[in-house]
Amino acid sequence: LGMDAQRDAIERFASAEGIEIVATFTEIETGK
């Protein structure tokens, strides 16, 4: 939940700005 939306937003932004994403880091935290 939420990951795909974030990934899609970043990819669209990078494509529009001519940026290559070389690595993606995903954090899953409990909040504490």
PDB file of all heavy atoms in Angstrom:
ATOM      1  N   LEU A   1       0.830  -1.206   0.000  1.00  0.00           N
ATOM      2  CA  LEU A   1       0.000   0.000   0.000  1.00  0.00           C
ATOM      3  C   LEU A   1       0.861   1.250   0.000  1.00  0.00           C
ATOM      4  O   LEU A   1       1.671   1.452   0.879  1.00  0.00           O
ATOM      5  CB  LEU A   1      -0.907  -0.002   1.231  1.00  0.00           C
ATOM      6  CG  LEU A   1      -1.886   1.175   1.363  1.00  0.00           C
ATOM      7  CD1 LEU A   1      -2.866   1.165   0.210  1.00  0.00           C
ATOM      8  CD2 LEU A   1      -2.617   1.100   2.703  1.00  0.00           C
ATOM      9  N   GLY A   2       0.676   2.073  -0.993  1.00  0.00           N
ATOM     10  CA  GLY A   2       1.410   3.318  -1.075  1.00  0.00           C
ATOM     11  C   GLY A   2       2.705   3.224  -1.855  1.00  0.00           C
ATOM     12  O   GLY A   2       3.177   4.223  -2.382  1.00  0.00           O
ATOM     13  N   MET A   3       3.298   2.064  -1.943  1.00  0.00           N
ATOM     14  CA  MET A   3       4.583   1.927  -2.635  1.00  0.00           C
ATOM     15  C   MET A   3       4.449   2.182  -4.126  1.00  0.00           C
ATOM     16  O   MET A   3       5.234   2.916  -4.721  1.00  0.00           O
ATOM     17  CB  MET A   3       5.160   0.529  -2.406  1.00  0.00           C
ATOM     18  CG  MET A   3       5.700   0.283  -1.023  1.00  0.00           C
ATOM     19  SD  MET A   3       6.496  -1.338  -0.940  1.00  0.00           S
ATOM     20  CE  MET A   3       6.955  -1.377   0.783  1.00  0.00           C
ATOM     21  N   ASP A   4       3.457   1.558  -4.738  1.00  0.00           N
ATOM     22  CA  ASP A   4       3.290   1.692  -6.186  1.00  0.00           C
ATOM     23  C   ASP A   4       3.016   3.138  -6.573  1.00  0.00           C
ATOM     24  O   ASP A   4       3.523   3.625  -7.583  1.00  0.00           O
ATOM     25  CB  ASP A   4       2.148   0.792  -6.675  1.00  0.00           C
ATOM     26  CG  ASP A   4       2.496  -0.692  -6.613  1.00  0.00           C
ATOM     27  OD1 ASP A   4       3.710  -0.990  -6.547  1.00  0.00           O
ATOM     28  OD2 ASP A   4       1.581  -1.527  -6.626  1.00  0.00           O
ATOM     29  N   ALA A   5       2.202   3.818  -5.772  1.00  0.00           N
ATOM     30  CA  ALA A   5       1.882   5.213  -6.070  1.00  0.00           C
ATOM     31  C   ALA A   5       3.135   6.083  -5.986  1.00  0.00           C
ATOM     32  O   ALA A   5       3.358   6.958  -6.835  1.00  0.00           O
ATOM     33  CB  ALA A   5       0.817   5.722  -5.108  1.00  0.00           C
ATOM     34  N   GLN A   6       3.959   5.852  -4.968  1.00  0.00           N
ATOM     35  CA  GLN A   6       5.191   6.618  -4.829  1.00  0.00           C
ATOM     36  C   GLN A   6       6.153   6.324  -5.976  1.00  0.00           C
ATOM     37  O   GLN A   6       6.751   7.236  -6.564  1.00  0.00           O
ATOM     38  CB  GLN A   6       5.869   6.295  -3.494  1.00  0.00           C
ATOM     39  CG  GLN A   6       5.126   6.800  -2.276  1.00  0.00           C
ATOM     40  CD  GLN A   6       5.833   6.434  -0.983  1.00  0.00           C
ATOM     41  OE1 GLN A   6       7.004   6.776  -0.786  1.00  0.00           O
ATOM     42  NE2 GLN A   6       5.145   5.737  -0.091  1.00  0.00           N
ATOM     43  N   ARG A   7       6.292   5.047  -6.297  1.00  0.00           N
ATOM     44  CA  ARG A   7       7.199   4.659  -7.375  1.00  0.00           C
ATOM     45  C   ARG A   7       6.755   5.265  -8.705  1.00  0.00           C
ATOM     46  O   ARG A   7       7.573   5.777  -9.477  1.00  0.00           O
ATOM     47  CB  ARG A   7       7.259   3.136  -7.489  1.00  0.00           C
ATOM     48  CG  ARG A   7       8.252   2.640  -8.536  1.00  0.00           C
ATOM     49  CD  ARG A   7       8.332   1.131  -8.566  1.00  0.00           C
ATOM     50  NE  ARG A   7       8.976   0.619  -7.358  1.00  0.00           N
ATOM     51  CZ  ARG A   7       8.314   0.001  -6.381  1.00  0.00           C
ATOM     52  NH1 ARG A   7       7.004  -0.157  -6.456  1.00  0.00           N
ATOM     53  NH2 ARG A   7       8.966  -0.438  -5.327  1.00  0.00           N
ATOM     54  N   ASP A   8       5.446   5.239  -8.954  1.00  0.00           N
ATOM     55  CA  ASP A   8       4.920   5.791 -10.194  1.00  0.00           C
ATOM     56  C   ASP A   8       5.168   7.296 -10.271  1.00  0.00           C
ATOM     57  O   ASP A   8       5.556   7.815 -11.323  1.00  0.00           O
ATOM     58  CB  ASP A   8       3.419   5.502 -10.290  1.00  0.00           C
ATOM     59  CG  ASP A   8       2.812   6.049 -11.575  1.00  0.00           C
ATOM     60  OD1 ASP A   8       3.200   5.590 -12.657  1.00  0.00           O
ATOM     61  OD2 ASP A   8       1.931   6.931 -11.491  1.00  0.00           O
ATOM     62  N   ALA A   9       4.946   7.999  -9.161  1.00  0.00           N
ATOM     63  CA  ALA A   9       5.158   9.448  -9.144  1.00  0.00           C
ATOM     64  C   ALA A   9       6.625   9.789  -9.404  1.00  0.00           C
ATOM     65  O   ALA A   9       6.936  10.725 -10.154  1.00  0.00           O
ATOM     66  CB  ALA A   9       4.716  10.026  -7.802  1.00  0.00           C
ATOM     67  N   ILE A  10       7.525   9.032  -8.795  1.00  0.00           N
ATOM     68  CA  ILE A  10       8.960   9.279  -8.978  1.00  0.00           C
ATOM     69  C   ILE A  10       9.374   8.991 -10.412  1.00  0.00           C
ATOM     70  O   ILE A  10      10.125   9.757 -11.031  1.00  0.00           O
ATOM     71  CB  ILE A  10       9.782   8.420  -7.992  1.00  0.00           C
ATOM     72  CG1 ILE A  10       9.574   8.918  -6.553  1.00  0.00           C
ATOM     73  CG2 ILE A  10      11.271   8.455  -8.354  1.00  0.00           C
ATOM     74  CD1 ILE A  10      10.183   8.022  -5.498  1.00  0.00           C
ATOM     75  N   GLU A  11       8.889   7.887 -10.969  1.00  0.00           N
ATOM     76  CA  GLU A  11       9.259   7.525 -12.340  1.00  0.00           C
ATOM     77  C   GLU A  11       8.744   8.546 -13.344  1.00  0.00           C
ATOM     78  O   GLU A  11       9.446   8.905 -14.294  1.00  0.00           O
ATOM     79  CB  GLU A  11       8.726   6.122 -12.664  1.00  0.00           C
ATOM     80  CG  GLU A  11       9.469   5.018 -11.917  1.00  0.00           C
ATOM     81  CD  GLU A  11       8.890   3.633 -12.195  1.00  0.00           C
ATOM     82  OE1 GLU A  11       7.823   3.561 -12.849  1.00  0.00           O
ATOM     83  OE2 GLU A  11       9.498   2.636 -11.765  1.00  0.00           O
ATOM     84  N   ARG A  12       7.509   9.024 -13.144  1.00  0.00           N
ATOM     85  CA  ARG A  12       6.962  10.037 -14.055  1.00  0.00           C
ATOM     86  C   ARG A  12       7.759  11.334 -13.963  1.00  0.00           C
ATOM     87  O   ARG A  12       8.045  11.982 -14.972  1.00  0.00           O
ATOM     88  CB  ARG A  12       5.494  10.302 -13.731  1.00  0.00           C
ATOM     89  CG  ARG A  12       4.539   9.215 -14.214  1.00  0.00           C
ATOM     90  CD  ARG A  12       3.100   9.678 -14.086  1.00  0.00           C
ATOM     91  NE  ARG A  12       2.726   9.863 -12.688  1.00  0.00           N
ATOM     92  CZ  ARG A  12       1.615  10.459 -12.288  1.00  0.00           C
ATOM     93  NH1 ARG A  12       0.794  11.010 -13.178  1.00  0.00           N
ATOM     94  NH2 ARG A  12       1.324  10.569 -11.005  1.00  0.00           N
ATOM     95  N   PHE A  13       8.112  11.709 -12.750  1.00  0.00           N
ATOM     96  CA  PHE A  13       8.897  12.925 -12.537  1.00  0.00           C
ATOM     97  C   PHE A  13      10.266  12.796 -13.201  1.00  0.00           C
ATOM     98  O   PHE A  13      10.709  13.707 -13.918  1.00  0.00           O
ATOM     99  CB  PHE A  13       9.052  13.172 -11.039  1.00  0.00           C
ATOM    100  CG  PHE A  13      10.036  14.255 -10.692  1.00  0.00           C
ATOM    101  CD1 PHE A  13       9.681  15.594 -10.799  1.00  0.00           C
ATOM    102  CD2 PHE A  13      11.309  13.943 -10.264  1.00  0.00           C
ATOM    103  CE1 PHE A  13      10.590  16.603 -10.479  1.00  0.00           C
ATOM    104  CE2 PHE A  13      12.224  14.937  -9.945  1.00  0.00           C
ATOM    105  CZ  PHE A  13      11.864  16.265 -10.051  1.00  0.00           C
ATOM    106  N   ALA A  14      10.935  11.666 -12.963  1.00  0.00           N
ATOM    107  CA  ALA A  14      12.272  11.461 -13.524  1.00  0.00           C
ATOM    108  C   ALA A  14      12.234  11.467 -15.050  1.00  0.00           C
ATOM    109  O   ALA A  14      13.106  12.042 -15.708  1.00  0.00           O
ATOM    110  CB  ALA A  14      12.853  10.135 -13.014  1.00  0.00           C
ATOM    111  N   SER A  15      11.222  10.824 -15.619  1.00  0.00           N
ATOM    112  CA  SER A  15      11.087  10.786 -17.074  1.00  0.00           C
ATOM    113  C   SER A  15      10.889  12.185 -17.646  1.00  0.00           C
ATOM    114  O   SER A  15      11.494  12.560 -18.655  1.00  0.00           O
ATOM    115  CB  SER A  15       9.907   9.885 -17.467  1.00  0.00           C
ATOM    116  OG  SER A  15       9.701   9.892 -18.864  1.00  0.00           O
ATOM    117  N   ALA A  16      10.054  12.980 -16.980  1.00  0.00           N
ATOM    118  CA  ALA A  16       9.774  14.332 -17.458  1.00  0.00           C
ATOM    119  C   ALA A  16      11.000  15.234 -17.356  1.00  0.00           C
ATOM    120  O   ALA A  16      11.173  16.150 -18.170  1.00  0.00           O
ATOM    121  CB  ALA A  16       8.626  14.938 -16.662  1.00  0.00           C
ATOM    122  N   GLU A  17      11.859  14.964 -16.365  1.00  0.00           N
ATOM    123  CA  GLU A  17      13.027  15.815 -16.145  1.00  0.00           C
ATOM    124  C   GLU A  17      14.294  15.255 -16.782  1.00  0.00           C
ATOM    125  O   GLU A  17      15.364  15.848 -16.650  1.00  0.00           O
ATOM    126  CB  GLU A  17      13.261  16.001 -14.633  1.00  0.00           C
ATOM    127  CG  GLU A  17      12.127  16.693 -13.906  1.00  0.00           C
ATOM    128  CD  GLU A  17      11.930  18.129 -14.362  1.00  0.00           C
ATOM    129  OE1 GLU A  17      12.922  18.721 -14.844  1.00  0.00           O
ATOM    130  OE2 GLU A  17      10.808  18.644 -14.234  1.00  0.00           O
ATOM    131  N   GLY A  18      14.196  14.102 -17.457  1.00  0.00           N
ATOM    132  CA  GLY A  18      15.365  13.509 -18.088  1.00  0.00           C
ATOM    133  C   GLY A  18      16.381  12.972 -17.102  1.00  0.00           C
ATOM    134  O   GLY A  18      17.596  13.118 -17.280  1.00  0.00           O
ATOM    135  N   ILE A  19      15.888  12.352 -16.032  1.00  0.00           N
ATOM    136  CA  ILE A  19      16.749  11.811 -14.976  1.00  0.00           C
ATOM    137  C   ILE A  19      16.705  10.289 -14.998  1.00  0.00           C
ATOM    138  O   ILE A  19      15.635   9.698 -15.120  1.00  0.00           O
ATOM    139  CB  ILE A  19      16.306  12.322 -13.590  1.00  0.00           C
ATOM    140  CG1 ILE A  19      16.392  13.849 -13.526  1.00  0.00           C
ATOM    141  CG2 ILE A  19      17.137  11.693 -12.480  1.00  0.00           C
ATOM    142  CD1 ILE A  19      15.809  14.440 -12.250  1.00  0.00           C
ATOM    143  N   GLU A  20      17.856   9.659 -14.863  1.00  0.00           N
ATOM    144  CA  GLU A  20      17.933   8.198 -14.783  1.00  0.00           C
ATOM    145  C   GLU A  20      17.977   7.752 -13.319  1.00  0.00           C
ATOM    146  O   GLU A  20      18.839   8.202 -12.557  1.00  0.00           O
ATOM    147  CB  GLU A  20      19.179   7.686 -15.499  1.00  0.00           C
ATOM    148  CG  GLU A  20      19.359   6.175 -15.402  1.00  0.00           C
ATOM    149  CD  GLU A  20      20.689   5.691 -15.932  1.00  0.00           C
ATOM    150  OE1 GLU A  20      21.479   6.535 -16.419  1.00  0.00           O
ATOM    151  OE2 GLU A  20      20.956   4.477 -15.844  1.00  0.00           O
ATOM    152  N   ILE A  21      17.049   6.893 -12.936  1.00  0.00           N
ATOM    153  CA  ILE A  21      17.045   6.332 -11.579  1.00  0.00           C
ATOM    154  C   ILE A  21      17.968   5.126 -11.562  1.00  0.00           C
ATOM    155  O   ILE A  21      17.692   4.097 -12.191  1.00  0.00           O
ATOM    156  CB  ILE A  21      15.624   5.913 -11.144  1.00  0.00           C
ATOM    157  CG1 ILE A  21      14.670   7.107 -11.210  1.00  0.00           C
ATOM    158  CG2 ILE A  21      15.654   5.328  -9.727  1.00  0.00           C
ATOM    159  CD1 ILE A  21      15.001   8.224 -10.269  1.00  0.00           C
ATOM    160  N   VAL A  22      19.082   5.231 -10.840  1.00  0.00           N
ATOM    161  CA  VAL A  22      20.065   4.145 -10.832  1.00  0.00           C
ATOM    162  C   VAL A  22      19.823   3.146  -9.714  1.00  0.00           C
ATOM    163  O   VAL A  22      20.313   2.011  -9.759  1.00  0.00           O
ATOM    164  CB  VAL A  22      21.499   4.701 -10.729  1.00  0.00           C
ATOM    165  CG1 VAL A  22      21.804   5.609 -11.917  1.00  0.00           C
ATOM    166  CG2 VAL A  22      21.701   5.460  -9.421  1.00  0.00           C
ATOM    167  N   ALA A  23      19.073   3.544  -8.695  1.00  0.00           N
ATOM    168  CA  ALA A  23      18.786   2.632  -7.583  1.00  0.00           C
ATOM    169  C   ALA A  23      17.553   3.136  -6.846  1.00  0.00           C
ATOM    170  O   ALA A  23      17.313   4.340  -6.769  1.00  0.00           O
ATOM    171  CB  ALA A  23      19.965   2.550  -6.624  1.00  0.00           C
ATOM    172  N   THR A  24      16.784   2.196  -6.322  1.00  0.00           N
ATOM    173  CA  THR A  24      15.598   2.529  -5.538  1.00  0.00           C
ATOM    174  C   THR A  24      15.683   1.849  -4.184  1.00  0.00           C
ATOM    175  O   THR A  24      15.935   0.645  -4.100  1.00  0.00           O
ATOM    176  CB  THR A  24      14.313   2.076  -6.261  1.00  0.00           C
ATOM    177  OG1 THR A  24      14.216   2.735  -7.524  1.00  0.00           O
ATOM    178  CG2 THR A  24      13.078   2.400  -5.423  1.00  0.00           C
ATOM    179  N   PHE A  25      15.489   2.605  -3.136  1.00  0.00           N
ATOM    180  CA  PHE A  25      15.546   2.075  -1.777  1.00  0.00           C
ATOM    181  C   PHE A  25      14.171   2.238  -1.130  1.00  0.00           C
ATOM    182  O   PHE A  25      13.599   3.326  -1.126  1.00  0.00           O
ATOM    183  CB  PHE A  25      16.612   2.814  -0.965  1.00  0.00           C
ATOM    184  CG  PHE A  25      18.001   2.639  -1.508  1.00  0.00           C
ATOM    185  CD1 PHE A  25      18.501   3.511  -2.453  1.00  0.00           C
ATOM    186  CD2 PHE A  25      18.782   1.577  -1.088  1.00  0.00           C
ATOM    187  CE1 PHE A  25      19.774   3.353  -2.976  1.00  0.00           C
ATOM    188  CE2 PHE A  25      20.066   1.397  -1.599  1.00  0.00           C
ATOM    189  CZ  PHE A  25      20.563   2.285  -2.551  1.00  0.00           C
ATOM    190  N   THR A  26      13.668   1.144  -0.601  1.00  0.00           N
ATOM    191  CA  THR A  26      12.329   1.134  -0.010  1.00  0.00           C
ATOM    192  C   THR A  26      12.419   0.862   1.486  1.00  0.00           C
ATOM    193  O   THR A  26      12.982  -0.149   1.906  1.00  0.00           O
ATOM    194  CB  THR A  26      11.448   0.072  -0.672  1.00  0.00           C
ATOM    195  OG1 THR A  26      11.357   0.350  -2.073  1.00  0.00           O
ATOM    196  CG2 THR A  26      10.047   0.077  -0.076  1.00  0.00           C
ATOM    197  N   GLU A  27      11.869   1.768   2.274  1.00  0.00           N
ATOM    198  CA  GLU A  27      11.904   1.667   3.734  1.00  0.00           C
ATOM    199  C   GLU A  27      10.536   1.249   4.247  1.00  0.00           C
ATOM    200  O   GLU A  27       9.516   1.817   3.858  1.00  0.00           O
ATOM    201  CB  GLU A  27      12.258   3.030   4.324  1.00  0.00           C
ATOM    202  CG  GLU A  27      12.732   2.987   5.756  1.00  0.00           C
ATOM    203  CD  GLU A  27      14.246   2.910   5.828  1.00  0.00           C
ATOM    204  OE1 GLU A  27      14.907   3.901   5.485  1.00  0.00           O
ATOM    205  OE2 GLU A  27      14.758   1.846   6.222  1.00  0.00           O
ATOM    206  N   ILE A  28      10.510   0.252   5.116  1.00  0.00           N
ATOM    207  CA  ILE A  28       9.281  -0.147   5.788  1.00  0.00           C
ATOM    208  C   ILE A  28       9.525   0.016   7.277  1.00  0.00           C
ATOM    209  O   ILE A  28      10.327  -0.700   7.869  1.00  0.00           O
ATOM    210  CB  ILE A  28       8.900  -1.605   5.475  1.00  0.00           C
ATOM    211  CG1 ILE A  28       8.740  -1.792   3.961  1.00  0.00           C
ATOM    212  CG2 ILE A  28       7.616  -1.998   6.195  1.00  0.00           C
ATOM    213  CD1 ILE A  28       8.556  -3.231   3.545  1.00  0.00           C
ATOM    214  N   GLU A  29       8.858   0.990   7.881  1.00  0.00           N
ATOM    215  CA  GLU A  29       9.097   1.272   9.291  1.00  0.00           C
ATOM    216  C   GLU A  29       7.807   1.184  10.091  1.00  0.00           C
ATOM    217  O   GLU A  29       6.718   1.386   9.562  1.00  0.00           O
ATOM    218  CB  GLU A  29       9.723   2.654   9.458  1.00  0.00           C
ATOM    219  CG  GLU A  29       8.866   3.767   8.897  1.00  0.00           C
ATOM    220  CD  GLU A  29       9.414   5.123   9.286  1.00  0.00           C
ATOM    221  OE1 GLU A  29      10.403   5.165  10.013  1.00  0.00           O
ATOM    222  OE2 GLU A  29       8.830   6.120   8.873  1.00  0.00           O
ATOM    223  N   THR A  30       7.928   0.907  11.348  1.00  0.00           N
ATOM    224  CA  THR A  30       6.763   0.754  12.208  1.00  0.00           C
ATOM    225  C   THR A  30       6.264   2.079  12.747  1.00  0.00           C
ATOM    226  O   THR A  30       5.154   2.171  13.250  1.00  0.00           O
ATOM    227  CB  THR A  30       7.098  -0.147  13.406  1.00  0.00           C
ATOM    228  OG1 THR A  30       8.135   0.480  14.179  1.00  0.00           O
ATOM    229  CG2 THR A  30       7.577  -1.500  12.937  1.00  0.00           C
ATOM    230  N   GLY A  31       7.086   3.106  12.662  1.00  0.00           N
ATOM    231  CA  GLY A  31       6.693   4.414  13.188  1.00  0.00           C
ATOM    232  C   GLY A  31       7.480   4.775  14.428  1.00  0.00           C
ATOM    233  O   GLY A  31       7.735   5.929  14.687  1.00  0.00           O
ATOM    234  N   LYS A  32       7.906   3.805  15.218  1.00  0.00           N
ATOM    235  CA  LYS A  32       8.690   4.073  16.422  1.00  0.00           C
ATOM    236  C   LYS A  32      10.089   4.505  16.021  1.00  0.00           C
ATOM    237  O   LYS A  32      10.798   3.813  15.305  1.00  0.00           O
ATOM    238  CB  LYS A  32       8.758   2.821  17.296  1.00  0.00           C
ATOM    239  CG  LYS A  32       9.516   3.046  18.608  1.00  0.00           C
ATOM    240  CD  LYS A  32       9.507   1.783  19.449  1.00  0.00           C
ATOM    241  CE  LYS A  32      10.242   2.009  20.759  1.00  0.00           C
ATOM    242  NZ  LYS A  32      10.264   0.786  21.596  1.00  0.00           N
TER     243      LYS A  32
END
